[in-house]
């Protein structure tokens, strides 16, 4: 991104992850997600910057949001991970794709105007295994699977069906609902 000039506004969300306010040569401003140790520089929308800012200081939430935006794992240093020790989610929201055929003006993800990225089936199934394991370990009766969009989830209908079939089978095997 050689055409961007860093402004004095910078927010460190957690150690190693920043949102930078940048000014383009034409005078317009933009936000960039910057994680130098992960070799990440990613233009983000104002809505995405606001969402990240809202959760700054909470390493586990910030890391999940960054991973959702980038569709990749970001390793960040943690001084205190005690808040993660008892966290055993039994629900998951899967973002299947950034592809969208619409151009809704209110879309927080700017879907359809960003490069297409797709969640791998293996990652989705590992997420199901993870929440099933947590439900068993915490003796909860079942799990919840959501399909959320940073794009239009139904464009990945085959993956939705695969995930739902797998979830139902795993729940039946482990006597969960």
N, C-alpha and C. Protein backbone atom coordinates (compact mmCIF):
# COMPACT_ATOMS: atom_id res chain seq x y z
N UNK A 1 0.80 -1.18 0.00
CA UNK A 1 0.00 0.00 0.00
C UNK A 1 0.86 1.25 0.00
N UNK A 2 1.62 1.46 -1.02
CA UNK A 2 2.52 2.60 -1.05
C UNK A 2 1.81 3.94 -1.16
N UNK A 3 0.55 3.97 -1.54
CA UNK A 3 -0.16 5.23 -1.71
C UNK A 3 -0.84 5.74 -0.45
N UNK A 4 -0.51 5.16 0.71
CA UNK A 4 -1.11 5.60 1.95
C UNK A 4 -0.07 6.25 2.84
N UNK A 5 -0.48 7.27 3.54
CA UNK A 5 0.40 8.01 4.43
C UNK A 5 -0.15 7.86 5.85
N UNK A 6 0.68 7.39 6.79
CA UNK A 6 0.21 7.19 8.14
C UNK A 6 -0.07 8.53 8.81
N UNK A 7 -1.22 8.59 9.47
CA UNK A 7 -1.57 9.78 10.24
C UNK A 7 -1.18 9.55 11.68
N UNK A 8 -1.39 10.52 12.52
CA UNK A 8 -0.98 10.38 13.90
C UNK A 8 -1.94 9.53 14.72
N UNK A 9 -3.07 9.14 14.15
CA UNK A 9 -4.04 8.33 14.89
C UNK A 9 -3.68 6.85 14.77
N UNK A 10 -3.48 6.23 15.91
CA UNK A 10 -3.15 4.81 15.96
C UNK A 10 -3.76 4.25 17.22
N UNK A 11 -4.32 3.07 17.14
CA UNK A 11 -4.87 2.42 18.33
C UNK A 11 -4.32 1.01 18.41
N UNK A 12 -3.67 0.69 19.52
CA UNK A 12 -3.22 -0.67 19.73
C UNK A 12 -4.36 -1.42 20.39
N UNK A 13 -4.89 -2.43 19.69
CA UNK A 13 -6.03 -3.19 20.20
C UNK A 13 -5.59 -4.12 21.31
N UNK A 14 -4.59 -4.90 21.04
CA UNK A 14 -3.92 -5.78 21.99
C UNK A 14 -2.46 -5.77 21.56
N UNK A 15 -1.55 -6.29 22.36
CA UNK A 15 -0.14 -6.28 21.93
C UNK A 15 0.04 -6.88 20.54
N UNK A 16 0.61 -6.10 19.64
CA UNK A 16 0.93 -6.58 18.30
C UNK A 16 -0.13 -6.39 17.24
N UNK A 17 -1.30 -5.85 17.60
CA UNK A 17 -2.37 -5.63 16.63
C UNK A 17 -2.86 -4.19 16.77
N UNK A 18 -2.85 -3.46 15.63
CA UNK A 18 -3.18 -2.04 15.63
C UNK A 18 -4.20 -1.73 14.56
N UNK A 19 -4.98 -0.67 14.78
CA UNK A 19 -5.77 -0.05 13.73
C UNK A 19 -5.10 1.30 13.46
N UNK A 20 -4.70 1.52 12.22
CA UNK A 20 -4.05 2.76 11.83
C UNK A 20 -5.01 3.60 11.00
N UNK A 21 -5.04 4.88 11.27
CA UNK A 21 -5.78 5.83 10.45
C UNK A 21 -4.81 6.34 9.39
N UNK A 22 -5.19 6.23 8.14
CA UNK A 22 -4.30 6.63 7.06
C UNK A 22 -4.95 7.67 6.18
N UNK A 23 -4.13 8.48 5.58
CA UNK A 23 -4.61 9.48 4.64
C UNK A 23 -4.01 9.15 3.27
N UNK A 24 -4.88 9.05 2.29
CA UNK A 24 -4.42 8.80 0.92
C UNK A 24 -3.93 10.12 0.32
N UNK A 25 -3.12 10.04 -0.73
CA UNK A 25 -2.63 11.27 -1.36
C UNK A 25 -3.75 12.21 -1.83
N UNK A 26 -4.94 11.63 -2.12
CA UNK A 26 -6.05 12.50 -2.56
C UNK A 26 -6.77 13.18 -1.40
N UNK A 27 -6.31 12.93 -0.16
CA UNK A 27 -6.88 13.59 1.01
C UNK A 27 -7.94 12.78 1.74
N UNK A 28 -8.43 11.68 1.14
CA UNK A 28 -9.41 10.84 1.82
C UNK A 28 -8.72 9.99 2.88
N UNK A 29 -9.50 9.58 3.89
CA UNK A 29 -8.94 8.79 4.97
C UNK A 29 -9.41 7.35 4.88
N UNK A 30 -8.65 6.47 5.50
CA UNK A 30 -9.02 5.06 5.55
C UNK A 30 -8.42 4.42 6.79
N UNK A 31 -8.95 3.25 7.15
CA UNK A 31 -8.44 2.48 8.29
C UNK A 31 -7.74 1.24 7.77
N UNK A 32 -6.68 0.86 8.49
CA UNK A 32 -5.93 -0.34 8.14
C UNK A 32 -5.69 -1.15 9.40
N UNK A 33 -5.94 -2.45 9.32
CA UNK A 33 -5.59 -3.37 10.39
C UNK A 33 -4.14 -3.76 10.18
N UNK A 34 -3.31 -3.59 11.20
CA UNK A 34 -1.87 -3.79 11.07
C UNK A 34 -1.39 -4.71 12.19
N UNK A 35 -0.82 -5.85 11.82
CA UNK A 35 -0.22 -6.78 12.77
C UNK A 35 1.17 -7.14 12.22
N UNK A 36 2.18 -6.35 12.58
CA UNK A 36 3.50 -6.52 11.97
C UNK A 36 4.13 -7.89 12.17
N UNK A 37 3.92 -8.51 13.33
CA UNK A 37 4.53 -9.82 13.55
C UNK A 37 3.87 -10.92 12.72
N UNK A 38 2.67 -10.65 12.21
CA UNK A 38 1.97 -11.61 11.36
C UNK A 38 2.04 -11.22 9.89
N UNK A 39 2.85 -10.19 9.58
CA UNK A 39 2.95 -9.70 8.20
C UNK A 39 1.58 -9.36 7.63
N UNK A 40 0.77 -8.65 8.41
CA UNK A 40 -0.59 -8.35 8.00
C UNK A 40 -0.81 -6.84 7.92
N UNK A 41 -1.25 -6.41 6.75
CA UNK A 41 -1.75 -5.06 6.54
C UNK A 41 -3.02 -5.23 5.72
N UNK A 42 -4.17 -4.86 6.32
CA UNK A 42 -5.44 -5.13 5.69
C UNK A 42 -6.34 -3.89 5.76
N UNK A 43 -6.73 -3.33 4.60
CA UNK A 43 -7.70 -2.22 4.64
C UNK A 43 -9.01 -2.72 5.24
N UNK A 44 -9.59 -1.93 6.14
CA UNK A 44 -10.86 -2.31 6.75
C UNK A 44 -11.82 -1.14 6.65
N UNK A 45 -13.10 -1.46 6.74
CA UNK A 45 -14.14 -0.43 6.66
C UNK A 45 -14.22 0.31 8.00
N UNK A 46 -14.81 1.49 8.00
CA UNK A 46 -15.01 2.21 9.27
C UNK A 46 -15.81 1.38 10.28
N UNK A 47 -16.79 0.63 9.81
CA UNK A 47 -17.59 -0.20 10.72
C UNK A 47 -16.74 -1.29 11.35
N UNK A 48 -15.85 -1.91 10.55
CA UNK A 48 -14.96 -2.93 11.10
C UNK A 48 -13.99 -2.32 12.11
N UNK A 49 -13.47 -1.14 11.81
CA UNK A 49 -12.57 -0.45 12.75
C UNK A 49 -13.28 -0.15 14.06
N UNK A 50 -14.53 0.29 13.97
CA UNK A 50 -15.31 0.59 15.18
C UNK A 50 -15.56 -0.67 16.01
N UNK A 51 -15.86 -1.79 15.34
CA UNK A 51 -16.09 -3.04 16.03
C UNK A 51 -14.83 -3.50 16.75
N UNK A 52 -13.68 -3.41 16.09
CA UNK A 52 -12.42 -3.78 16.72
C UNK A 52 -12.10 -2.87 17.89
N UNK A 53 -12.33 -1.59 17.72
CA UNK A 53 -12.05 -0.61 18.77
C UNK A 53 -12.92 -0.87 20.00
N UNK A 54 -14.16 -1.23 19.76
CA UNK A 54 -15.09 -1.50 20.85
C UNK A 54 -14.59 -2.62 21.76
N UNK A 55 -13.89 -3.59 21.18
CA UNK A 55 -13.42 -4.75 21.94
C UNK A 55 -11.92 -4.70 22.24
N UNK A 56 -11.29 -3.55 22.02
CA UNK A 56 -9.86 -3.44 22.29
C UNK A 56 -9.62 -3.69 23.77
N UNK A 57 -8.51 -4.28 24.08
CA UNK A 57 -8.19 -4.60 25.46
C UNK A 57 -8.62 -5.99 25.87
N UNK A 58 -9.50 -6.63 25.09
CA UNK A 58 -9.91 -8.00 25.38
C UNK A 58 -9.23 -8.90 24.35
N UNK A 59 -8.09 -9.49 24.71
CA UNK A 59 -7.29 -10.25 23.73
C UNK A 59 -8.04 -11.37 23.05
N UNK A 60 -8.86 -12.12 23.78
CA UNK A 60 -9.53 -13.27 23.15
C UNK A 60 -10.56 -12.82 22.13
N UNK A 61 -11.35 -11.78 22.44
CA UNK A 61 -12.35 -11.29 21.49
C UNK A 61 -11.68 -10.62 20.30
N UNK A 62 -10.67 -9.79 20.56
CA UNK A 62 -9.96 -9.11 19.48
C UNK A 62 -9.34 -10.12 18.53
N UNK A 63 -8.71 -11.15 19.06
CA UNK A 63 -8.08 -12.16 18.21
C UNK A 63 -9.13 -12.87 17.34
N UNK A 64 -10.26 -13.20 17.91
CA UNK A 64 -11.32 -13.85 17.13
C UNK A 64 -11.83 -12.93 16.02
N UNK A 65 -12.01 -11.65 16.33
CA UNK A 65 -12.48 -10.71 15.31
C UNK A 65 -11.47 -10.55 14.19
N UNK A 66 -10.19 -10.45 14.54
CA UNK A 66 -9.14 -10.30 13.53
C UNK A 66 -9.08 -11.56 12.67
N UNK A 67 -9.17 -12.72 13.29
CA UNK A 67 -9.14 -13.97 12.52
C UNK A 67 -10.35 -14.07 11.60
N UNK A 68 -11.50 -13.60 12.05
CA UNK A 68 -12.69 -13.60 11.20
C UNK A 68 -12.51 -12.67 10.00
N UNK A 69 -11.92 -11.51 10.24
CA UNK A 69 -11.70 -10.56 9.14
C UNK A 69 -10.68 -11.07 8.14
N UNK A 70 -9.67 -11.77 8.62
CA UNK A 70 -8.58 -12.18 7.75
C UNK A 70 -8.70 -13.62 7.27
N UNK A 71 -9.61 -14.38 7.87
CA UNK A 71 -9.74 -15.81 7.58
C UNK A 71 -8.41 -16.53 7.77
N UNK A 72 -7.64 -16.10 8.79
CA UNK A 72 -6.39 -16.76 9.12
C UNK A 72 -6.12 -16.61 10.61
N UNK A 73 -5.22 -17.42 11.12
CA UNK A 73 -4.88 -17.40 12.53
C UNK A 73 -3.80 -16.37 12.78
N UNK A 74 -3.99 -15.57 13.82
CA UNK A 74 -3.02 -14.56 14.21
C UNK A 74 -2.53 -14.92 15.61
N UNK A 75 -1.23 -15.10 15.76
CA UNK A 75 -0.66 -15.36 17.08
C UNK A 75 -0.28 -14.04 17.71
N UNK A 76 -0.82 -13.79 18.91
CA UNK A 76 -0.50 -12.57 19.62
C UNK A 76 0.03 -12.93 21.00
N UNK A 77 0.91 -12.12 21.56
CA UNK A 77 1.41 -12.41 22.89
C UNK A 77 0.32 -12.16 23.93
N UNK A 78 0.24 -13.02 24.92
CA UNK A 78 -0.72 -12.86 26.00
C UNK A 78 0.02 -12.83 27.32
N UNK A 79 -0.23 -11.80 28.11
CA UNK A 79 0.33 -11.77 29.45
C UNK A 79 -0.51 -12.61 30.39
N UNK A 80 -1.82 -12.58 30.19
CA UNK A 80 -2.73 -13.27 31.08
C UNK A 80 -3.79 -13.97 30.24
N UNK A 81 -3.77 -15.29 30.25
CA UNK A 81 -4.77 -16.04 29.48
C UNK A 81 -5.74 -16.75 30.41
N UNK A 82 -5.78 -16.35 31.68
CA UNK A 82 -6.67 -17.01 32.63
C UNK A 82 -8.13 -16.91 32.21
N UNK A 83 -8.48 -15.83 31.48
CA UNK A 83 -9.86 -15.69 31.04
C UNK A 83 -10.25 -16.75 30.02
N UNK A 84 -9.27 -17.37 29.37
CA UNK A 84 -9.56 -18.39 28.37
C UNK A 84 -9.67 -19.79 28.98
N UNK A 85 -9.14 -19.97 30.18
CA UNK A 85 -9.06 -21.30 30.78
C UNK A 85 -10.45 -21.91 30.98
N UNK A 86 -11.44 -21.12 31.36
CA UNK A 86 -12.76 -21.67 31.63
C UNK A 86 -13.74 -21.45 30.48
N UNK A 87 -13.26 -20.92 29.39
CA UNK A 87 -14.13 -20.63 28.25
C UNK A 87 -14.35 -21.89 27.43
N UNK A 88 -15.60 -22.37 27.41
CA UNK A 88 -15.94 -23.60 26.69
C UNK A 88 -17.20 -23.37 25.87
N UNK A 89 -17.08 -22.69 24.74
CA UNK A 89 -18.27 -22.38 23.95
C UNK A 89 -18.93 -23.64 23.39
N UNK A 90 -20.25 -23.61 23.34
CA UNK A 90 -21.00 -24.70 22.72
C UNK A 90 -21.83 -24.18 21.56
N UNK A 91 -21.48 -23.01 21.07
CA UNK A 91 -22.10 -22.49 19.85
C UNK A 91 -20.99 -21.90 18.99
N UNK A 92 -21.26 -21.86 17.69
CA UNK A 92 -20.29 -21.32 16.76
C UNK A 92 -21.02 -20.57 15.66
N UNK A 93 -20.45 -19.46 15.24
CA UNK A 93 -20.95 -18.72 14.09
C UNK A 93 -19.91 -18.85 12.99
N UNK A 94 -20.26 -19.49 11.92
CA UNK A 94 -19.33 -19.72 10.82
C UNK A 94 -19.54 -18.68 9.73
N UNK A 95 -18.48 -18.00 9.37
CA UNK A 95 -18.51 -17.05 8.27
C UNK A 95 -18.00 -17.80 7.04
N UNK A 96 -18.91 -18.17 6.18
CA UNK A 96 -18.58 -19.08 5.08
C UNK A 96 -17.87 -18.43 3.91
N UNK A 97 -18.18 -17.16 3.65
CA UNK A 97 -17.61 -16.52 2.47
C UNK A 97 -17.70 -15.00 2.60
N UNK A 98 -16.86 -14.33 1.85
CA UNK A 98 -16.98 -12.88 1.73
C UNK A 98 -17.64 -12.51 0.40
N UNK A 99 -17.95 -13.52 -0.41
CA UNK A 99 -18.59 -13.28 -1.70
C UNK A 99 -20.05 -12.89 -1.49
N UNK A 100 -20.49 -11.89 -2.24
CA UNK A 100 -21.89 -11.47 -2.17
C UNK A 100 -22.29 -10.88 -3.52
N UNK A 101 -23.51 -11.21 -3.93
CA UNK A 101 -24.01 -10.70 -5.20
C UNK A 101 -24.73 -9.36 -5.02
N UNK A 102 -24.91 -8.94 -3.79
CA UNK A 102 -25.61 -7.68 -3.51
C UNK A 102 -24.61 -6.58 -3.16
N UNK A 103 -25.05 -5.38 -3.11
CA UNK A 103 -24.21 -4.24 -2.72
C UNK A 103 -25.01 -3.34 -1.78
N UNK A 104 -25.44 -3.91 -0.66
CA UNK A 104 -26.27 -3.18 0.29
C UNK A 104 -25.48 -2.04 0.91
N UNK A 105 -26.07 -0.87 0.92
CA UNK A 105 -25.38 0.31 1.44
C UNK A 105 -25.13 0.21 2.94
N UNK A 106 -25.92 -0.57 3.65
CA UNK A 106 -25.79 -0.69 5.09
C UNK A 106 -24.88 -1.85 5.52
N UNK A 107 -24.30 -2.56 4.59
CA UNK A 107 -23.50 -3.74 4.90
C UNK A 107 -22.23 -3.36 5.67
N UNK A 108 -22.10 -3.88 6.89
CA UNK A 108 -20.92 -3.60 7.72
C UNK A 108 -19.66 -4.22 7.13
N UNK A 109 -19.80 -5.26 6.35
CA UNK A 109 -18.64 -5.98 5.83
C UNK A 109 -18.20 -5.48 4.47
N UNK A 110 -18.93 -4.55 3.90
CA UNK A 110 -18.63 -4.07 2.55
C UNK A 110 -18.56 -5.25 1.59
N UNK A 111 -19.43 -6.24 1.84
CA UNK A 111 -19.43 -7.48 1.07
C UNK A 111 -19.66 -7.20 -0.41
N UNK A 112 -19.00 -7.95 -1.22
CA UNK A 112 -19.10 -7.78 -2.65
C UNK A 112 -18.08 -6.80 -3.19
N UNK A 113 -17.52 -5.99 -2.32
CA UNK A 113 -16.50 -5.03 -2.75
C UNK A 113 -15.12 -5.40 -2.21
N UNK A 114 -15.03 -6.58 -1.64
CA UNK A 114 -13.75 -7.05 -1.10
C UNK A 114 -13.37 -8.35 -1.82
N UNK A 115 -12.10 -8.72 -1.77
CA UNK A 115 -11.70 -9.98 -2.40
C UNK A 115 -12.45 -11.17 -1.79
N UNK A 116 -12.83 -12.11 -2.62
CA UNK A 116 -13.56 -13.29 -2.14
C UNK A 116 -12.64 -14.22 -1.37
N UNK A 117 -13.11 -14.60 -0.19
CA UNK A 117 -12.42 -15.59 0.64
C UNK A 117 -13.47 -16.58 1.10
N UNK A 118 -13.07 -17.84 1.25
CA UNK A 118 -14.01 -18.88 1.61
C UNK A 118 -13.46 -19.70 2.78
N UNK A 119 -14.35 -20.05 3.71
CA UNK A 119 -13.98 -20.90 4.83
C UNK A 119 -13.81 -22.33 4.32
N UNK A 120 -12.71 -22.96 4.70
CA UNK A 120 -12.45 -24.33 4.29
C UNK A 120 -13.38 -25.29 5.05
N UNK A 121 -13.84 -26.32 4.38
CA UNK A 121 -14.71 -27.31 5.01
C UNK A 121 -14.04 -27.91 6.24
N UNK A 122 -12.75 -28.21 6.15
CA UNK A 122 -12.05 -28.83 7.28
C UNK A 122 -12.07 -27.94 8.52
N UNK A 123 -11.97 -26.64 8.32
CA UNK A 123 -12.00 -25.70 9.45
C UNK A 123 -13.40 -25.68 10.07
N UNK A 124 -14.42 -25.67 9.24
CA UNK A 124 -15.80 -25.68 9.74
C UNK A 124 -16.07 -26.95 10.55
N UNK A 125 -15.62 -28.10 10.06
CA UNK A 125 -15.86 -29.35 10.76
C UNK A 125 -15.06 -29.43 12.06
N UNK A 126 -13.85 -28.85 12.08
CA UNK A 126 -13.08 -28.79 13.33
C UNK A 126 -13.79 -27.92 14.36
N UNK A 127 -14.43 -26.85 13.90
CA UNK A 127 -15.19 -25.99 14.82
C UNK A 127 -16.35 -26.78 15.44
N UNK A 128 -17.01 -27.60 14.63
CA UNK A 128 -18.11 -28.44 15.14
C UNK A 128 -17.57 -29.43 16.16
N UNK A 129 -16.46 -30.09 15.85
CA UNK A 129 -15.85 -31.02 16.79
C UNK A 129 -15.51 -30.32 18.11
N UNK A 130 -15.03 -29.10 18.02
CA UNK A 130 -14.64 -28.32 19.20
C UNK A 130 -15.86 -28.05 20.09
N UNK A 131 -16.96 -27.57 19.53
CA UNK A 131 -18.12 -27.27 20.37
C UNK A 131 -18.81 -28.54 20.88
N UNK A 132 -18.76 -29.62 20.09
CA UNK A 132 -19.31 -30.90 20.56
C UNK A 132 -18.50 -31.37 21.77
N UNK A 133 -17.17 -31.29 21.66
CA UNK A 133 -16.30 -31.68 22.79
C UNK A 133 -16.58 -30.84 24.02
N UNK A 134 -16.79 -29.54 23.83
CA UNK A 134 -17.11 -28.67 24.96
C UNK A 134 -18.45 -29.03 25.59
N UNK A 135 -19.44 -29.33 24.75
CA UNK A 135 -20.77 -29.71 25.27
C UNK A 135 -20.67 -30.99 26.11
N UNK A 136 -19.89 -31.94 25.64
CA UNK A 136 -19.71 -33.19 26.39
C UNK A 136 -18.99 -32.91 27.70
N UNK A 137 -17.89 -32.15 27.63
CA UNK A 137 -17.08 -31.86 28.82
C UNK A 137 -17.83 -31.06 29.87
N UNK A 138 -18.71 -30.16 29.44
CA UNK A 138 -19.44 -29.31 30.38
C UNK A 138 -20.85 -29.84 30.67
N UNK A 139 -21.16 -31.00 30.12
CA UNK A 139 -22.45 -31.67 30.31
C UNK A 139 -23.63 -30.79 29.89
N UNK A 140 -23.44 -30.08 28.81
CA UNK A 140 -24.54 -29.29 28.24
C UNK A 140 -25.33 -30.20 27.31
N UNK A 141 -26.62 -29.90 27.12
CA UNK A 141 -27.45 -30.82 26.33
C UNK A 141 -27.22 -30.79 24.83
N UNK A 142 -26.61 -29.71 24.31
CA UNK A 142 -26.46 -29.64 22.86
C UNK A 142 -25.58 -28.50 22.42
N UNK A 143 -25.59 -28.25 21.12
CA UNK A 143 -24.77 -27.21 20.51
C UNK A 143 -25.63 -26.36 19.59
N UNK A 144 -25.11 -25.19 19.24
CA UNK A 144 -25.80 -24.29 18.30
C UNK A 144 -24.82 -23.91 17.20
N UNK A 145 -25.28 -24.00 15.95
CA UNK A 145 -24.46 -23.62 14.80
C UNK A 145 -25.18 -22.50 14.06
N UNK A 146 -24.47 -21.38 13.88
CA UNK A 146 -25.00 -20.25 13.13
C UNK A 146 -24.18 -20.08 11.85
N UNK A 147 -24.81 -19.57 10.83
CA UNK A 147 -24.09 -19.19 9.61
C UNK A 147 -24.24 -17.70 9.47
N UNK A 148 -23.12 -17.01 9.52
CA UNK A 148 -23.14 -15.55 9.52
C UNK A 148 -22.42 -15.05 8.27
N UNK A 149 -22.75 -13.86 7.89
CA UNK A 149 -22.16 -13.36 6.66
C UNK A 149 -21.21 -12.21 6.84
N UNK A 150 -20.10 -12.35 6.20
CA UNK A 150 -19.27 -11.23 5.82
C UNK A 150 -19.40 -11.22 4.30
N UNK A 151 -20.41 -11.94 3.88
CA UNK A 151 -20.81 -12.16 2.49
C UNK A 151 -22.16 -12.86 2.57
N UNK A 152 -22.57 -13.51 1.51
CA UNK A 152 -23.86 -14.20 1.50
C UNK A 152 -23.64 -15.69 1.76
N UNK A 153 -23.96 -16.19 2.98
CA UNK A 153 -23.69 -17.58 3.33
C UNK A 153 -24.34 -18.59 2.40
N UNK A 154 -25.53 -18.29 1.88
CA UNK A 154 -26.22 -19.27 1.05
C UNK A 154 -25.54 -19.51 -0.29
N UNK A 155 -24.55 -18.69 -0.63
CA UNK A 155 -23.78 -18.98 -1.83
C UNK A 155 -22.91 -20.23 -1.63
N UNK A 156 -22.78 -20.66 -0.38
CA UNK A 156 -22.02 -21.88 -0.05
C UNK A 156 -22.99 -22.94 0.48
N UNK A 157 -24.12 -23.12 -0.20
CA UNK A 157 -25.17 -24.03 0.23
C UNK A 157 -24.66 -25.44 0.49
N UNK A 158 -23.78 -25.94 -0.33
CA UNK A 158 -23.24 -27.29 -0.15
C UNK A 158 -22.50 -27.39 1.18
N UNK A 159 -21.72 -26.37 1.52
CA UNK A 159 -21.00 -26.39 2.80
C UNK A 159 -21.98 -26.30 3.97
N UNK A 160 -23.03 -25.49 3.84
CA UNK A 160 -24.05 -25.42 4.90
C UNK A 160 -24.63 -26.80 5.15
N UNK A 161 -25.00 -27.50 4.08
CA UNK A 161 -25.59 -28.84 4.21
C UNK A 161 -24.60 -29.82 4.81
N UNK A 162 -23.35 -29.75 4.40
CA UNK A 162 -22.31 -30.64 4.93
C UNK A 162 -22.13 -30.42 6.43
N UNK A 163 -22.05 -29.15 6.84
CA UNK A 163 -21.87 -28.82 8.25
C UNK A 163 -23.07 -29.26 9.08
N UNK A 164 -24.27 -29.01 8.57
CA UNK A 164 -25.47 -29.41 9.31
C UNK A 164 -25.58 -30.92 9.42
N UNK A 165 -25.32 -31.65 8.34
CA UNK A 165 -25.35 -33.12 8.38
C UNK A 165 -24.32 -33.65 9.37
N UNK A 166 -23.11 -33.10 9.34
CA UNK A 166 -22.04 -33.52 10.24
C UNK A 166 -22.42 -33.22 11.69
N UNK A 167 -22.96 -32.02 11.93
CA UNK A 167 -23.36 -31.63 13.29
C UNK A 167 -24.44 -32.56 13.83
N UNK A 168 -25.44 -32.83 13.01
CA UNK A 168 -26.52 -33.73 13.44
C UNK A 168 -25.99 -35.12 13.75
N UNK A 169 -25.12 -35.63 12.91
CA UNK A 169 -24.55 -36.96 13.12
C UNK A 169 -23.73 -37.01 14.41
N UNK A 170 -22.91 -36.00 14.63
CA UNK A 170 -22.08 -35.96 15.84
C UNK A 170 -22.94 -35.81 17.10
N UNK A 171 -23.99 -35.02 17.01
CA UNK A 171 -24.90 -34.86 18.14
C UNK A 171 -25.61 -36.18 18.45
N UNK A 172 -26.07 -36.87 17.42
CA UNK A 172 -26.74 -38.16 17.61
C UNK A 172 -25.78 -39.17 18.24
N UNK A 173 -24.56 -39.23 17.73
CA UNK A 173 -23.55 -40.16 18.25
C UNK A 173 -23.27 -39.89 19.73
N UNK A 174 -23.27 -38.62 20.11
CA UNK A 174 -22.92 -38.25 21.49
C UNK A 174 -24.13 -37.90 22.35
N UNK A 175 -25.33 -38.25 21.86
CA UNK A 175 -26.58 -38.04 22.59
C UNK A 175 -26.77 -36.58 23.01
N UNK A 176 -26.54 -35.69 22.05
CA UNK A 176 -26.75 -34.26 22.23
C UNK A 176 -27.87 -33.80 21.32
N UNK A 177 -28.43 -32.64 21.62
CA UNK A 177 -29.47 -32.09 20.75
C UNK A 177 -28.91 -30.96 19.93
